[in-house]
N, C-alpha and C. Protein backbone atom coordinates (compact mmCIF):
# COMPACT_ATOMS: atom_id res chain seq x y z
N MET A 1 82.67 84.09 205.43
CA MET A 1 82.53 85.70 204.59
C MET A 1 84.14 85.74 204.23
N VAL A 2 84.99 84.84 204.80
CA VAL A 2 86.89 84.73 204.13
C VAL A 2 86.95 83.62 203.43
N LYS A 3 85.95 82.76 203.48
CA LYS A 3 85.71 81.77 201.92
C LYS A 3 85.35 82.51 201.18
N ASN A 4 84.56 83.19 201.27
CA ASN A 4 83.76 83.90 199.63
C ASN A 4 84.87 85.08 199.05
N THR A 5 85.59 85.51 200.45
CA THR A 5 86.54 86.50 199.47
C THR A 5 87.92 86.14 199.26
N ILE A 6 87.94 84.97 199.67
CA ILE A 6 89.21 84.00 199.11
C ILE A 6 88.68 83.42 197.73
N ARG A 7 87.74 82.82 197.49
CA ARG A 7 87.31 82.70 196.29
C ARG A 7 86.84 83.67 195.35
N ILE A 8 86.45 84.55 195.54
CA ILE A 8 86.61 85.93 194.81
C ILE A 8 88.29 86.25 194.02
N LEU A 9 88.68 86.61 194.66
CA LEU A 9 90.52 86.84 194.64
C LEU A 9 90.58 85.60 193.54
N LEU A 10 90.68 84.56 194.21
CA LEU A 10 91.12 83.36 193.09
C LEU A 10 90.59 83.45 191.85
N LEU A 11 89.33 83.53 191.68
CA LEU A 11 88.37 83.50 190.61
C LEU A 11 88.83 84.83 189.80
N ALA A 12 89.33 85.77 190.49
CA ALA A 12 89.56 86.92 189.54
C ALA A 12 91.30 86.98 189.19
N ALA A 13 92.10 86.34 190.07
CA ALA A 13 93.26 85.83 189.38
C ALA A 13 93.37 85.14 188.29
N LEU A 14 92.30 83.95 188.26
CA LEU A 14 92.26 83.20 187.14
C LEU A 14 92.06 83.67 186.14
N LEU A 15 90.77 84.76 186.16
CA LEU A 15 90.40 84.91 185.14
C LEU A 15 91.22 86.29 184.23
N THR A 16 92.19 86.85 185.39
CA THR A 16 92.92 87.84 184.88
C THR A 16 93.94 87.62 184.21
N GLY A 17 94.79 86.41 184.88
CA GLY A 17 95.86 85.62 184.14
C GLY A 17 95.56 84.91 182.81
N CYS A 18 94.31 84.82 182.17
CA CYS A 18 94.15 83.96 181.07
C CYS A 18 93.15 85.20 180.00
N ASP A 19 93.30 85.06 178.91
CA ASP A 19 92.18 85.90 178.19
C ASP A 19 91.01 84.82 178.47
N ALA A 20 89.86 85.70 178.88
CA ALA A 20 88.86 84.66 179.93
C ALA A 20 88.05 84.60 178.54
N TYR A 21 87.24 85.91 178.19
CA TYR A 21 86.81 86.22 176.92
C TYR A 21 86.91 85.39 175.47
N ASN A 22 88.14 85.34 175.01
CA ASN A 22 88.35 84.23 174.29
C ASN A 22 88.37 82.84 174.38
N GLU A 23 88.85 82.24 175.88
CA GLU A 23 88.31 80.99 176.22
C GLU A 23 87.11 80.57 176.17
N LEU A 24 86.10 81.42 176.79
CA LEU A 24 84.50 81.32 176.78
C LEU A 24 84.04 81.33 175.09
N SER A 25 84.57 82.24 174.23
CA SER A 25 84.19 82.72 172.78
C SER A 25 84.60 81.24 172.32
N SER A 26 85.68 80.87 172.46
CA SER A 26 85.81 79.45 171.87
C SER A 26 84.89 78.01 172.11
N ILE A 27 84.21 78.13 173.52
CA ILE A 27 83.61 77.00 173.71
C ILE A 27 82.20 77.11 173.09
N GLY A 28 81.71 78.17 172.81
CA GLY A 28 80.83 78.60 171.80
C GLY A 28 80.80 78.04 170.47
N ALA A 29 82.10 78.63 169.73
CA ALA A 29 81.82 78.77 168.39
C ALA A 29 82.13 76.73 168.12
N ASN A 30 82.91 76.20 169.15
CA ASN A 30 83.11 74.79 168.80
C ASN A 30 81.62 73.91 168.77
N ALA A 31 80.89 74.57 169.31
CA ALA A 31 79.16 73.89 169.20
C ALA A 31 78.56 74.26 167.97
N HIS A 32 79.05 75.30 167.04
CA HIS A 32 78.73 75.28 166.00
C HIS A 32 78.22 73.94 165.04
N ILE A 33 77.17 74.03 164.05
CA ILE A 33 76.88 72.57 163.63
C ILE A 33 77.94 72.18 162.18
N ASP A 34 77.74 73.77 161.50
CA ASP A 34 78.10 73.90 160.61
C ASP A 34 79.99 73.40 160.36
N THR A 35 80.05 72.57 159.58
CA THR A 35 81.59 72.20 159.86
C THR A 35 82.44 72.10 158.48
N VAL A 36 83.74 72.61 158.08
CA VAL A 36 84.93 72.36 157.36
C VAL A 36 85.51 71.71 157.64
N TRP A 37 86.40 71.00 156.20
CA TRP A 37 87.52 70.00 156.72
C TRP A 37 88.80 70.29 156.54
N THR A 38 89.71 70.27 157.50
CA THR A 38 91.02 70.66 157.59
C THR A 38 91.96 69.90 157.82
N PHE A 39 93.16 70.21 157.29
CA PHE A 39 94.17 69.78 157.46
C PHE A 39 95.20 70.81 158.52
N THR A 40 95.61 70.08 159.67
CA THR A 40 95.98 71.42 160.81
C THR A 40 97.52 70.42 161.01
N GLN A 41 98.23 71.11 161.41
CA GLN A 41 99.66 71.37 161.92
C GLN A 41 99.24 71.98 163.09
N PHE A 42 99.66 71.02 164.57
CA PHE A 42 99.94 71.65 165.86
C PHE A 42 101.24 71.44 166.42
N ASN A 43 101.92 72.32 166.93
CA ASN A 43 103.21 71.93 167.45
C ASN A 43 102.97 72.52 168.73
N VAL A 44 103.18 71.40 169.69
CA VAL A 44 102.81 71.31 170.79
C VAL A 44 104.33 71.16 171.89
N THR A 45 104.54 72.10 173.00
CA THR A 45 105.34 72.29 173.83
C THR A 45 105.16 71.24 174.92
N GLU A 46 105.79 70.12 174.95
CA GLU A 46 106.07 68.74 176.13
C GLU A 46 106.55 69.27 176.96
N GLU A 47 106.87 68.14 177.73
CA GLU A 47 107.79 68.38 178.87
C GLU A 47 109.17 68.44 178.44
N GLY A 48 110.03 69.25 179.31
CA GLY A 48 111.67 69.55 178.92
C GLY A 48 111.63 70.51 177.95
N ASP A 49 110.75 71.22 177.69
CA ASP A 49 110.63 72.33 176.50
C ASP A 49 110.99 71.44 174.77
N THR A 50 110.60 70.30 175.17
CA THR A 50 110.33 69.73 173.73
C THR A 50 109.21 70.21 172.48
N ILE A 51 109.39 70.59 171.41
CA ILE A 51 108.18 70.52 170.91
C ILE A 51 107.82 69.36 169.91
N ASP A 52 106.77 68.92 169.96
CA ASP A 52 106.00 67.70 168.60
C ASP A 52 104.92 68.20 168.27
N SER A 53 105.23 67.90 167.23
CA SER A 53 104.01 68.33 165.70
C SER A 53 103.54 67.03 165.46
N TYR A 54 101.98 67.56 165.33
CA TYR A 54 101.02 66.73 165.10
C TYR A 54 100.30 66.97 163.91
N TYR A 55 100.02 66.50 162.92
CA TYR A 55 99.44 66.66 161.98
C TYR A 55 97.90 65.86 161.57
N TYR A 56 96.85 66.43 161.54
CA TYR A 56 95.75 65.83 161.73
C TYR A 56 94.43 66.13 160.36
N TYR A 57 93.77 65.61 160.16
CA TYR A 57 92.91 66.01 159.26
C TYR A 57 91.53 65.98 160.45
N GLY A 58 90.67 67.14 160.13
CA GLY A 58 89.45 66.83 161.26
C GLY A 58 88.58 68.02 160.46
N GLU A 59 87.27 67.56 160.87
CA GLU A 59 86.00 68.26 160.76
C GLU A 59 86.12 69.44 161.81
N ILE A 60 86.29 70.76 161.75
CA ILE A 60 85.73 71.56 162.63
C ILE A 60 84.61 72.86 162.55
N SER A 61 84.44 73.35 163.79
CA SER A 61 83.28 74.35 163.13
C SER A 61 83.93 75.59 162.20
N LYS A 62 82.68 75.83 161.53
CA LYS A 62 83.10 76.70 160.54
C LYS A 62 83.05 78.21 161.18
N LYS A 63 82.43 78.04 162.25
CA LYS A 63 82.18 79.21 163.00
C LYS A 63 83.72 80.09 163.47
N ILE A 64 84.27 78.64 163.93
CA ILE A 64 85.68 78.97 164.89
C ILE A 64 86.39 78.83 163.89
N TYR A 65 86.38 78.11 162.58
CA TYR A 65 87.17 78.28 161.41
C TYR A 65 87.57 79.90 161.30
N LYS A 66 86.30 80.62 160.88
CA LYS A 66 86.13 81.86 160.35
C LYS A 66 86.84 82.85 161.37
N LYS A 67 86.91 82.78 162.89
CA LYS A 67 87.05 83.26 164.26
C LYS A 67 88.90 83.44 164.21
N ILE A 68 89.09 82.35 163.66
CA ILE A 68 90.77 82.09 163.93
C ILE A 68 91.16 83.00 162.63
N SER A 69 90.60 82.80 161.38
CA SER A 69 91.42 82.94 160.31
C SER A 69 91.49 84.03 160.13
N ALA A 70 90.49 84.86 160.80
CA ALA A 70 89.95 86.66 161.04
C ALA A 70 90.82 87.02 162.05
N ASN A 71 92.08 86.33 162.68
CA ASN A 71 92.43 86.97 163.59
C ASN A 71 91.57 87.12 164.74
N GLN A 72 90.24 86.93 164.92
CA GLN A 72 89.43 87.34 166.22
C GLN A 72 89.76 86.31 167.49
N LEU A 73 90.21 85.19 167.17
CA LEU A 73 90.36 84.38 168.53
C LEU A 73 91.66 83.74 168.28
N SER A 74 92.31 84.24 169.35
CA SER A 74 93.76 83.54 169.52
C SER A 74 93.86 82.66 170.93
N SER A 75 92.79 82.25 171.60
CA SER A 75 93.22 81.63 172.71
C SER A 75 92.11 80.61 172.75
N GLY A 76 92.30 79.51 173.65
CA GLY A 76 91.12 78.81 173.64
C GLY A 76 91.24 77.39 173.46
N PHE A 77 90.18 76.66 172.95
CA PHE A 77 90.12 75.17 172.27
C PHE A 77 89.69 75.02 171.32
N ILE A 78 90.25 73.84 170.57
CA ILE A 78 89.64 73.79 169.08
C ILE A 78 89.32 72.21 169.01
N LEU A 79 88.22 72.06 169.04
CA LEU A 79 87.60 70.44 168.58
C LEU A 79 87.89 70.35 167.47
N LEU A 80 88.46 68.72 167.05
CA LEU A 80 88.53 68.24 165.64
C LEU A 80 87.57 66.87 165.96
N ARG A 81 86.67 66.76 165.08
CA ARG A 81 86.27 65.32 165.14
C ARG A 81 86.44 64.87 163.95
N ASN A 82 86.14 63.64 163.82
CA ASN A 82 86.32 62.70 162.49
C ASN A 82 87.80 62.85 162.37
N VAL A 83 88.97 62.90 163.36
CA VAL A 83 90.06 62.70 163.23
C VAL A 83 90.54 62.02 162.23
N LYS A 84 91.33 62.22 161.32
CA LYS A 84 92.42 61.32 160.54
C LYS A 84 93.71 62.15 160.51
N TYR A 85 94.69 60.56 160.31
CA TYR A 85 96.07 60.94 160.28
C TYR A 85 97.14 60.41 158.95
N TRP A 86 98.32 60.73 158.78
CA TRP A 86 99.02 59.86 158.13
C TRP A 86 99.57 59.09 158.63
N GLY A 87 99.71 57.76 158.53
CA GLY A 87 100.36 56.58 159.06
C GLY A 87 101.72 56.65 158.73
N THR A 88 102.69 55.59 158.92
CA THR A 88 103.98 55.88 158.74
C THR A 88 104.22 55.00 157.26
N ASP A 89 102.95 54.09 156.69
CA ASP A 89 103.03 53.65 155.40
C ASP A 89 102.19 54.51 154.23
N ASP A 90 102.24 55.79 154.77
CA ASP A 90 101.88 56.67 154.00
C ASP A 90 100.46 56.77 153.21
N LEU A 91 99.77 56.30 154.03
CA LEU A 91 98.36 55.82 154.27
C LEU A 91 97.61 56.56 155.20
N ILE A 92 96.47 57.50 154.56
CA ILE A 92 95.66 57.80 156.30
C ILE A 92 95.04 56.83 156.52
N HIS A 93 94.57 57.18 157.93
CA HIS A 93 93.98 55.95 159.19
C HIS A 93 93.08 56.80 159.83
N SER A 94 92.03 56.50 160.34
CA SER A 94 90.93 57.16 160.90
C SER A 94 91.48 56.89 162.48
N TYR A 95 91.43 58.27 163.15
CA TYR A 95 91.55 57.65 164.69
C TYR A 95 90.39 57.24 165.60
N ARG A 96 89.67 56.98 164.92
CA ARG A 96 88.32 56.19 165.77
C ARG A 96 88.95 54.83 166.21
N SER A 97 88.73 54.42 167.27
CA SER A 97 88.76 53.29 167.85
C SER A 97 87.84 52.83 168.40
N LYS A 98 88.01 51.59 169.40
CA LYS A 98 87.12 51.27 170.38
C LYS A 98 87.18 52.09 171.48
N GLU A 99 88.50 52.49 171.37
CA GLU A 99 88.80 53.91 172.81
C GLU A 99 88.62 54.74 172.43
N SER A 100 88.08 55.44 171.35
CA SER A 100 88.15 56.80 171.10
C SER A 100 87.06 57.06 170.10
N ASP A 101 86.37 58.08 170.00
CA ASP A 101 85.13 58.54 169.17
C ASP A 101 85.80 59.35 168.15
N GLY A 102 87.43 59.17 167.98
CA GLY A 102 87.68 59.96 166.57
C GLY A 102 87.71 61.52 166.78
N SER A 103 87.65 61.79 168.37
CA SER A 103 87.62 63.45 168.06
C SER A 103 88.89 63.76 169.24
N LEU A 104 89.52 64.76 168.63
CA LEU A 104 90.94 65.17 169.58
C LEU A 104 90.41 66.79 169.85
N ILE A 105 90.55 67.27 171.13
CA ILE A 105 90.78 68.94 171.35
C ILE A 105 92.15 68.97 171.26
N PHE A 106 92.77 70.48 170.73
CA PHE A 106 93.93 71.09 171.14
C PHE A 106 93.68 72.38 171.39
N ARG A 107 94.94 73.43 172.17
CA ARG A 107 94.94 74.48 172.29
C ARG A 107 94.89 75.34 170.88
N ILE A 108 94.26 76.23 170.78
CA ILE A 108 94.28 77.02 169.26
C ILE A 108 95.83 77.97 169.37
N GLU A 109 96.46 78.13 170.32
CA GLU A 109 97.60 78.99 170.69
C GLU A 109 98.56 77.84 169.99
N ASP A 110 98.53 76.56 169.65
CA ASP A 110 99.29 75.43 169.20
C ASP A 110 99.48 75.42 167.46
N ILE A 111 98.09 76.16 167.25
CA ILE A 111 98.26 75.78 165.65
C ILE A 111 99.41 76.43 164.58
N GLN A 112 99.83 75.76 164.25
CA GLN A 112 100.72 76.08 163.52
C GLN A 112 100.46 76.28 162.57
N LYS A 113 100.02 75.60 161.24
CA LYS A 113 99.33 76.05 160.18
C LYS A 113 98.05 75.34 160.01
N MET A 114 97.26 75.84 159.01
CA MET A 114 95.72 75.00 158.89
C MET A 114 95.18 75.33 157.49
N GLU A 115 94.93 73.97 156.36
CA GLU A 115 94.65 74.17 155.51
C GLU A 115 93.27 73.69 155.31
N LEU A 116 92.06 74.50 154.41
CA LEU A 116 91.02 73.98 154.38
C LEU A 116 91.00 72.96 153.04
N ILE A 117 90.01 71.99 153.19
CA ILE A 117 90.18 70.61 152.38
C ILE A 117 88.90 70.66 151.93
N ARG A 118 88.85 70.12 150.61
CA ARG A 118 87.50 70.45 150.00
C ARG A 118 86.82 69.20 150.38
N THR A 119 87.42 67.70 150.33
CA THR A 119 86.47 66.81 150.42
C THR A 119 87.12 65.72 151.82
N GLU A 120 86.46 64.92 152.12
CA GLU A 120 86.75 63.94 153.49
C GLU A 120 87.64 63.47 152.96
N PRO A 121 88.78 63.21 153.57
CA PRO A 121 89.68 62.35 153.40
C PRO A 121 89.44 60.90 153.46
N ILE A 122 89.77 60.08 152.82
CA ILE A 122 89.32 58.81 152.65
C ILE A 122 90.32 57.79 153.22
N ALA A 123 90.15 57.26 154.34
CA ALA A 123 90.77 56.47 155.09
C ALA A 123 91.41 55.10 154.32
N GLY A 124 92.63 54.50 153.98
CA GLY A 124 93.09 53.65 153.68
C GLY A 124 93.52 53.81 152.38
N LYS A 125 93.45 54.85 152.08
CA LYS A 125 94.20 55.75 150.82
C LYS A 125 95.26 56.91 151.36
N GLY A 126 96.34 57.25 150.21
CA GLY A 126 97.52 57.88 150.10
C GLY A 126 97.14 58.97 149.13
N GLN A 127 98.14 59.57 149.01
CA GLN A 127 98.43 61.07 148.41
C GLN A 127 97.04 60.89 146.80
N GLU A 128 97.34 59.85 146.59
CA GLU A 128 96.57 59.62 145.11
C GLU A 128 95.04 60.05 144.85
N GLN A 129 94.40 60.16 146.23
CA GLN A 129 92.94 60.54 146.16
C GLN A 129 92.54 62.35 146.16
N PHE A 130 94.21 62.79 145.95
CA PHE A 130 94.14 64.42 146.03
C PHE A 130 94.52 64.65 144.72
N LYS A 131 94.84 64.08 143.89
CA LYS A 131 95.22 64.26 142.29
C LYS A 131 94.10 64.92 141.65
N GLY A 132 94.77 66.16 141.14
CA GLY A 132 93.67 66.98 140.72
C GLY A 132 92.71 67.84 141.71
N GLU A 133 93.08 67.68 142.88
CA GLU A 133 92.20 68.40 143.84
C GLU A 133 93.39 69.73 144.08
N VAL A 134 93.38 70.64 143.62
CA VAL A 134 93.95 71.82 143.60
C VAL A 134 92.89 72.85 144.33
N ILE A 135 93.14 73.80 145.10
CA ILE A 135 92.11 74.88 145.78
C ILE A 135 93.10 75.72 146.04
N LYS A 136 92.02 76.48 145.23
CA LYS A 136 92.37 78.30 145.05
C LYS A 136 91.67 79.05 146.23
N GLU A 137 92.60 79.93 146.40
CA GLU A 137 91.50 80.84 147.39
C GLU A 137 90.41 81.48 146.67
N THR A 138 90.54 82.14 145.82
CA THR A 138 89.54 82.52 144.74
C THR A 138 88.44 81.51 144.65
N GLU A 139 88.45 80.45 144.98
CA GLU A 139 87.56 79.20 144.69
C GLU A 139 86.81 78.41 145.92
N VAL A 140 87.21 79.58 147.07
CA VAL A 140 86.46 79.11 148.23
C VAL A 140 85.17 78.64 148.20
N ASP A 141 84.61 79.87 147.57
CA ASP A 141 82.96 79.66 147.55
C ASP A 141 82.61 78.29 147.35
N THR A 142 83.46 78.25 145.76
CA THR A 142 83.00 76.43 145.67
C THR A 142 82.73 75.36 146.45
N VAL A 143 83.87 75.68 148.04
CA VAL A 143 83.87 74.61 148.30
C VAL A 143 82.85 74.54 149.43
N ASN A 144 81.59 75.32 149.45
CA ASN A 144 81.02 75.92 150.41
C ASN A 144 81.05 76.08 151.38
N THR A 145 82.15 77.30 151.68
CA THR A 145 82.69 77.90 152.71
C THR A 145 83.30 79.53 152.13
N ASP A 146 82.98 80.10 153.10
CA ASP A 146 83.93 81.88 152.58
C ASP A 146 84.83 81.71 153.60
N VAL A 147 85.66 81.57 153.75
CA VAL A 147 86.90 81.69 154.99
C VAL A 147 87.95 81.12 153.94
N SER A 148 88.97 81.83 154.33
CA SER A 148 90.43 82.08 153.77
C SER A 148 91.18 80.89 154.03
N ILE A 149 92.39 80.49 153.52
CA ILE A 149 93.58 79.26 154.03
C ILE A 149 94.31 80.21 154.97
N LEU A 150 94.37 79.36 156.48
CA LEU A 150 94.99 80.41 157.30
C LEU A 150 96.51 79.43 158.08
N SER A 151 97.57 80.40 157.78
CA SER A 151 98.60 79.59 158.54
C SER A 151 99.39 80.89 159.07
N ASN A 152 100.02 80.08 159.95
CA ASN A 152 101.56 81.05 160.70
C ASN A 152 102.49 81.49 160.38
N ASP A 153 103.03 80.92 159.35
CA ASP A 153 103.85 80.67 158.89
C ASP A 153 104.23 82.48 158.81
N THR A 154 105.16 82.62 158.72
CA THR A 154 105.77 84.04 158.21
C THR A 154 106.43 84.43 157.16
N GLY A 155 106.17 83.97 156.12
CA GLY A 155 106.79 84.00 154.75
C GLY A 155 105.81 85.54 154.32
N THR A 156 106.22 85.81 153.44
CA THR A 156 105.75 87.28 152.86
C THR A 156 105.36 87.02 151.69
N GLU A 157 105.76 85.97 151.12
CA GLU A 157 104.68 85.57 149.67
C GLU A 157 103.51 85.18 149.74
N THR A 158 102.73 85.91 149.03
CA THR A 158 101.18 85.55 149.22
C THR A 158 100.98 83.83 147.78
N GLU A 159 100.49 83.31 148.30
CA GLU A 159 99.87 81.85 146.83
C GLU A 159 98.27 81.92 146.82
N THR A 160 98.19 81.87 145.55
CA THR A 160 97.04 81.91 144.88
C THR A 160 96.46 80.43 144.81
N GLU A 161 97.28 79.51 145.06
CA GLU A 161 97.00 78.03 144.57
C GLU A 161 98.00 77.45 145.64
N LYS A 162 96.93 76.65 146.20
CA LYS A 162 97.48 75.78 147.01
C LYS A 162 97.25 74.40 146.73
N THR A 163 98.25 73.36 146.72
CA THR A 163 97.89 72.01 146.54
C THR A 163 97.71 70.96 147.83
N PRO A 164 96.99 69.82 147.54
CA PRO A 164 96.42 69.16 148.93
C PRO A 164 97.93 69.07 149.66
N PRO A 165 97.49 68.48 150.82
CA PRO A 165 98.12 68.85 151.68
C PRO A 165 99.29 67.23 151.67
N SER A 166 100.64 67.63 151.72
CA SER A 166 101.26 66.26 151.60
C SER A 166 101.47 65.58 152.96
N PRO A 167 101.79 64.70 153.26
CA PRO A 167 102.14 63.61 154.59
C PRO A 167 103.36 64.14 154.88
N PRO A 168 103.31 64.26 156.44
CA PRO A 168 104.39 65.09 157.15
C PRO A 168 106.05 64.05 156.96
N ILE A 169 106.63 64.44 156.90
CA ILE A 169 108.27 63.97 157.03
C ILE A 169 108.38 63.33 158.19
N HIS A 170 108.53 62.01 157.83
CA HIS A 170 108.83 61.16 159.34
C HIS A 170 110.53 61.24 159.70
C-alpha cells in the first residue's frame, strides 16, 4: 500500500514537472510517415552552462514540422533521419556510419532555427548544389508541403525569399 502511494506521488510529480501532453504528442508526431527535409540549428546547453550549436540537414515528420511551426508543440523530442552535416572541408557529409544508422534525436526546446529544404542534400557536394534553389514562402505548396519556414529568431522583418542554407561559420 505504501509502495503504491509512493509510486503514484512520484508519477504525479514527474508529470506535473513537465508538459506531459507535449512530450507524448511529440512521440506520436515523430512516427508519422510523410517527411520533409529541413536544415536545423540546435543550441544545446552543455555542462558548465556553455551552449554548443549543431547544424544538421535531416528528414523529419511533416506532422511534427507543422505542429512546431504552428507553435502547437514546444517541448518533447524530434527525430532527424538520414542526417547530413557540413564538414570542415565545406562539403556535406552523411552522418550514417558503421556505428550509426544516420538518425539523431534532439529536444524540440533546443531548436534555434529551422528551414525547409526543397530536395535532399547530396553528400560529397558543397554549396554549388543549391545554386538557383530559392525557396519562397509562397512556393511552399510546390515543395509538396503546406508548412511555413520556422525560426526562433526575434527579428521583426519578414522574409518572402529564403536562400539555401549556408554552412555554419567555424
